[in-house]
C-alpha cells in the first residue's frame, strides 16, 4: 500500500509539472501572437510538424490552442501530408527496361575483340562468371551498335537520304566486314 501512495505522489507531481509547462507555453504564445502582425510563412517541414501534432490533439483542443493557423487549416495540412505520403511516387519508375551499364558494354566489346570466334552465348556465359547478367540478344545489340558507330566514323551517309533495301544490304555487309577487321 505504501508503494501505491508513492506512485500516486510521483505521478501527481509529474502531471503538475506538465500542466505548469503547458500554461507557460500558452502564455508565451499569447505574448508572441500579440507582437506579430500579419501572416506567418511556414516551410513545408514546419507545416508537417505542426500538422502532425495538431492531428493528435484533435479539433476541440485546437480551438483553444491554435495560434499559427485555424484548426481547419492545420487538419487540412495533415490530410495533404498523408495524401503525399501514400501517392505511390516511391514505386514509379521509368518506362521500359533499364539501360545496360557502361562497364558491362565495355566488357562485351572487349571480349568480342579478344575472342572473335566466340558467339553471343559464350560472351553471355563469360559475363555471368563476372557477375553481369545479360541476354544473348542484349550482347548482340551492343555489338551491332558498336559496329554501326565505327561505320559512321568511317563514312557517314547523308542525313536526308532514304535507304533502299539494296543500300541496307550493302551497309549491313559493310558493318559485318568492319566488325571482323577489329583488332
Protein backbone atom coordinates (compact mmCIF):
# COMPACT_ATOMS: atom_id res chain seq x y z
CA UNK A 1 0.00 0.00 0.00
CA UNK A 2 2.96 2.29 0.64
CA UNK A 3 4.18 1.92 -2.95
CA UNK A 4 0.73 2.90 -4.29
CA UNK A 5 0.82 6.17 -2.35
CA UNK A 6 4.35 6.88 -3.53
CA UNK A 7 3.35 6.19 -7.15
CA UNK A 8 0.32 8.48 -6.85
CA UNK A 9 2.53 11.25 -5.39
CA UNK A 10 5.14 10.92 -8.18
CA UNK A 11 2.58 10.86 -10.98
CA UNK A 12 0.73 13.76 -9.42
CA UNK A 13 3.90 15.85 -9.27
CA UNK A 14 4.77 14.96 -12.88
CA UNK A 15 1.26 15.90 -14.00
CA UNK A 16 1.54 19.18 -12.09
CA UNK A 17 4.85 19.97 -13.79
CA UNK A 18 3.38 19.22 -17.24
CA UNK A 19 0.41 21.47 -16.52
CA UNK A 20 2.74 24.29 -15.48
CA UNK A 21 4.82 23.86 -18.65
CA UNK A 22 1.71 23.95 -20.82
CA UNK A 23 0.43 27.04 -19.02
CA UNK A 24 3.78 28.79 -19.54
CA UNK A 25 3.86 27.91 -23.27
CA UNK A 26 0.28 29.12 -23.74
CA UNK A 27 1.12 32.45 -22.06
CA UNK A 28 4.27 32.81 -24.15
CA UNK A 29 2.26 32.13 -27.34
CA UNK A 30 -0.25 34.85 -26.38
CA UNK A 31 2.56 37.37 -25.89
CA UNK A 32 4.26 36.46 -29.17
CA UNK A 33 0.98 36.45 -31.10
CA UNK A 34 0.25 39.98 -29.85
CA UNK A 35 3.61 41.19 -31.21
CA UNK A 36 3.33 39.57 -34.66
CA UNK A 37 1.36 41.46 -37.29
CA UNK A 38 0.22 39.65 -40.44
CA UNK A 39 0.61 36.05 -41.52
CA UNK A 40 3.35 33.63 -40.58
CA UNK A 41 5.06 31.98 -43.52
CA UNK A 42 5.93 28.40 -42.64
CA UNK A 43 8.10 26.00 -44.59
CA UNK A 44 6.74 22.60 -45.63
CA UNK A 45 8.64 20.81 -42.86
CA UNK A 46 7.30 23.25 -40.25
CA UNK A 47 3.77 22.74 -41.58
CA UNK A 48 4.22 18.96 -41.41
CA UNK A 49 5.48 19.10 -37.83
CA UNK A 50 2.65 21.34 -36.65
CA UNK A 51 0.05 19.33 -38.58
CA UNK A 52 1.11 16.00 -37.04
CA UNK A 53 0.83 17.40 -33.52
CA UNK A 54 -2.44 19.15 -34.36
CA UNK A 55 -3.99 15.91 -35.61
CA UNK A 56 -3.04 14.13 -32.38
CA UNK A 57 -4.53 16.96 -30.30
CA UNK A 58 -7.87 16.98 -32.09
CA UNK A 59 -10.20 19.73 -33.22
CA UNK A 60 -11.56 20.67 -29.77
CA UNK A 61 -8.12 21.28 -28.26
CA UNK A 62 -7.05 23.16 -31.37
CA UNK A 63 -9.97 25.58 -30.98
CA UNK A 64 -8.36 26.76 -27.73
CA UNK A 65 -4.68 26.50 -28.67
CA UNK A 66 -4.15 27.09 -32.39
CA UNK A 67 -2.18 30.26 -33.00
CA UNK A 68 -0.30 29.55 -36.19
CA UNK A 69 -3.39 28.78 -38.27
CA UNK A 70 -7.04 27.90 -37.90
CA UNK A 71 -7.84 24.33 -36.80
CA UNK A 72 -9.37 23.52 -40.19
CA UNK A 73 -6.18 24.68 -41.92
CA UNK A 74 -3.97 22.61 -39.62
CA UNK A 75 -6.04 19.49 -40.20
CA UNK A 76 -6.04 20.15 -43.97
CA UNK A 77 -2.23 20.30 -43.84
CA UNK A 78 -2.26 16.90 -42.15
CA UNK A 79 -4.60 15.41 -44.78
CA UNK A 80 -2.33 16.74 -47.52
CA UNK A 81 0.72 15.31 -45.74
CA UNK A 82 -0.88 11.86 -45.58
CA UNK A 83 -2.03 12.08 -49.21
CA UNK A 84 1.52 12.90 -50.33
CA UNK A 85 2.89 10.05 -48.25
CA UNK A 86 0.68 7.47 -49.97
CA UNK A 87 0.63 8.83 -53.53
CA UNK A 88 2.73 5.93 -54.85
CA UNK A 89 5.63 8.05 -56.06
CA UNK A 90 8.13 5.66 -54.45
CA UNK A 91 7.00 2.94 -56.82
CA UNK A 92 7.01 4.95 -60.04
CA UNK A 93 9.80 4.04 -62.39
CA UNK A 94 10.82 4.83 -65.90
CA UNK A 95 9.08 3.03 -68.70
CA UNK A 96 10.96 0.18 -70.35
CA UNK A 97 13.99 -1.82 -69.45
CA UNK A 98 16.85 -0.29 -67.52
CA UNK A 99 19.88 0.72 -69.55
CA UNK A 100 22.94 -1.50 -69.70
CA UNK A 101 25.83 -0.24 -67.60
CA UNK A 102 28.81 1.28 -69.31
CA UNK A 103 31.18 -1.25 -67.75
CA UNK A 104 29.12 -4.20 -68.99
CA UNK A 105 29.03 -2.77 -72.52
CA UNK A 106 32.78 -2.19 -72.43
CA UNK A 107 33.36 -5.79 -71.33
CA UNK A 108 31.13 -7.12 -74.13
CA UNK A 109 33.12 -5.23 -76.76
CA UNK A 110 36.44 -6.22 -75.19
CA UNK A 111 35.51 -9.92 -75.11
CA UNK A 112 34.28 -9.80 -78.70
CA UNK A 113 37.54 -8.19 -79.87
CA UNK A 114 39.79 -10.56 -77.91
CA UNK A 115 37.82 -13.70 -78.84
CA UNK A 116 36.45 -13.33 -82.39
CA UNK A 117 35.34 -16.98 -82.51
CA UNK A 118 33.00 -16.61 -79.54
CA UNK A 119 29.28 -16.28 -80.15
CA UNK A 120 26.78 -14.26 -78.16
CA UNK A 121 26.00 -17.16 -75.82
CA UNK A 122 29.65 -17.70 -74.97
CA UNK A 123 30.08 -13.99 -74.17
CA UNK A 124 26.95 -14.13 -72.00
CA UNK A 125 28.43 -17.07 -70.06
CA UNK A 126 31.74 -15.29 -69.54
CA UNK A 127 29.94 -12.18 -68.33
CA UNK A 128 27.83 -14.27 -65.95
CA UNK A 129 31.06 -15.56 -64.40
CA UNK A 130 31.99 -11.92 -63.78
CA UNK A 131 28.60 -11.14 -62.21
CA UNK A 132 26.89 -9.42 -65.18
CA UNK A 133 23.56 -10.94 -66.19
CA UNK A 134 22.81 -10.13 -69.82
CA UNK A 135 20.91 -11.95 -72.54
CA UNK A 136 22.38 -13.01 -75.85
CA UNK A 137 20.09 -10.52 -77.59
CA UNK A 138 21.49 -7.70 -75.45
CA UNK A 139 25.05 -8.71 -76.31
CA UNK A 140 24.10 -8.69 -79.99
CA UNK A 141 22.51 -5.26 -79.70
CA UNK A 142 25.64 -3.87 -78.03
CA UNK A 143 27.92 -5.31 -80.70
CA UNK A 144 25.77 -4.16 -83.63
CA UNK A 145 25.55 -0.70 -82.05
CA UNK A 146 29.32 -0.50 -81.72
CA UNK A 147 29.82 -1.68 -85.30
CA UNK A 148 27.43 0.95 -86.61
CA UNK A 149 29.31 3.62 -84.66
CA UNK A 150 32.53 2.50 -86.32
CA UNK A 151 30.81 2.65 -89.68
CA UNK A 152 29.56 6.17 -89.05
CA UNK A 153 33.06 7.30 -88.13
CA UNK A 154 34.44 5.93 -91.40
CA UNK A 155 31.82 7.07 -93.89
CA UNK A 156 28.59 8.84 -92.95
CA UNK A 157 25.62 8.64 -95.30
CA UNK A 158 23.82 11.93 -95.92
CA UNK A 159 21.13 12.57 -93.27
CA UNK A 160 18.22 13.13 -95.67
CA UNK A 161 18.89 10.06 -97.79
CA UNK A 162 16.32 7.25 -97.58
CA UNK A 163 17.98 3.85 -97.63
CA UNK A 164 16.56 1.26 -100.02
CA UNK A 165 16.72 -2.49 -99.43
CA UNK A 166 19.84 -2.75 -101.61
CA UNK A 167 21.54 0.09 -99.75
CA UNK A 168 20.65 -1.59 -96.46
CA UNK A 169 22.19 -4.88 -97.60
CA UNK A 170 25.33 -3.03 -98.68
CA UNK A 171 25.68 -1.22 -95.33
CA UNK A 172 24.92 -4.32 -93.25
CA UNK A 173 27.58 -6.26 -95.20
CA UNK A 174 30.00 -3.38 -94.68
CA UNK A 175 29.28 -3.39 -90.95
CA UNK A 176 29.98 -7.10 -90.65
CA UNK A 177 33.24 -6.78 -92.61
CA UNK A 178 34.31 -3.86 -90.39
CA UNK A 179 33.43 -5.86 -87.31
CA UNK A 180 35.56 -8.78 -88.44
CA UNK A 181 38.51 -6.46 -89.04
CA UNK A 182 38.52 -5.10 -85.49
CA UNK A 183 41.80 -5.77 -83.66
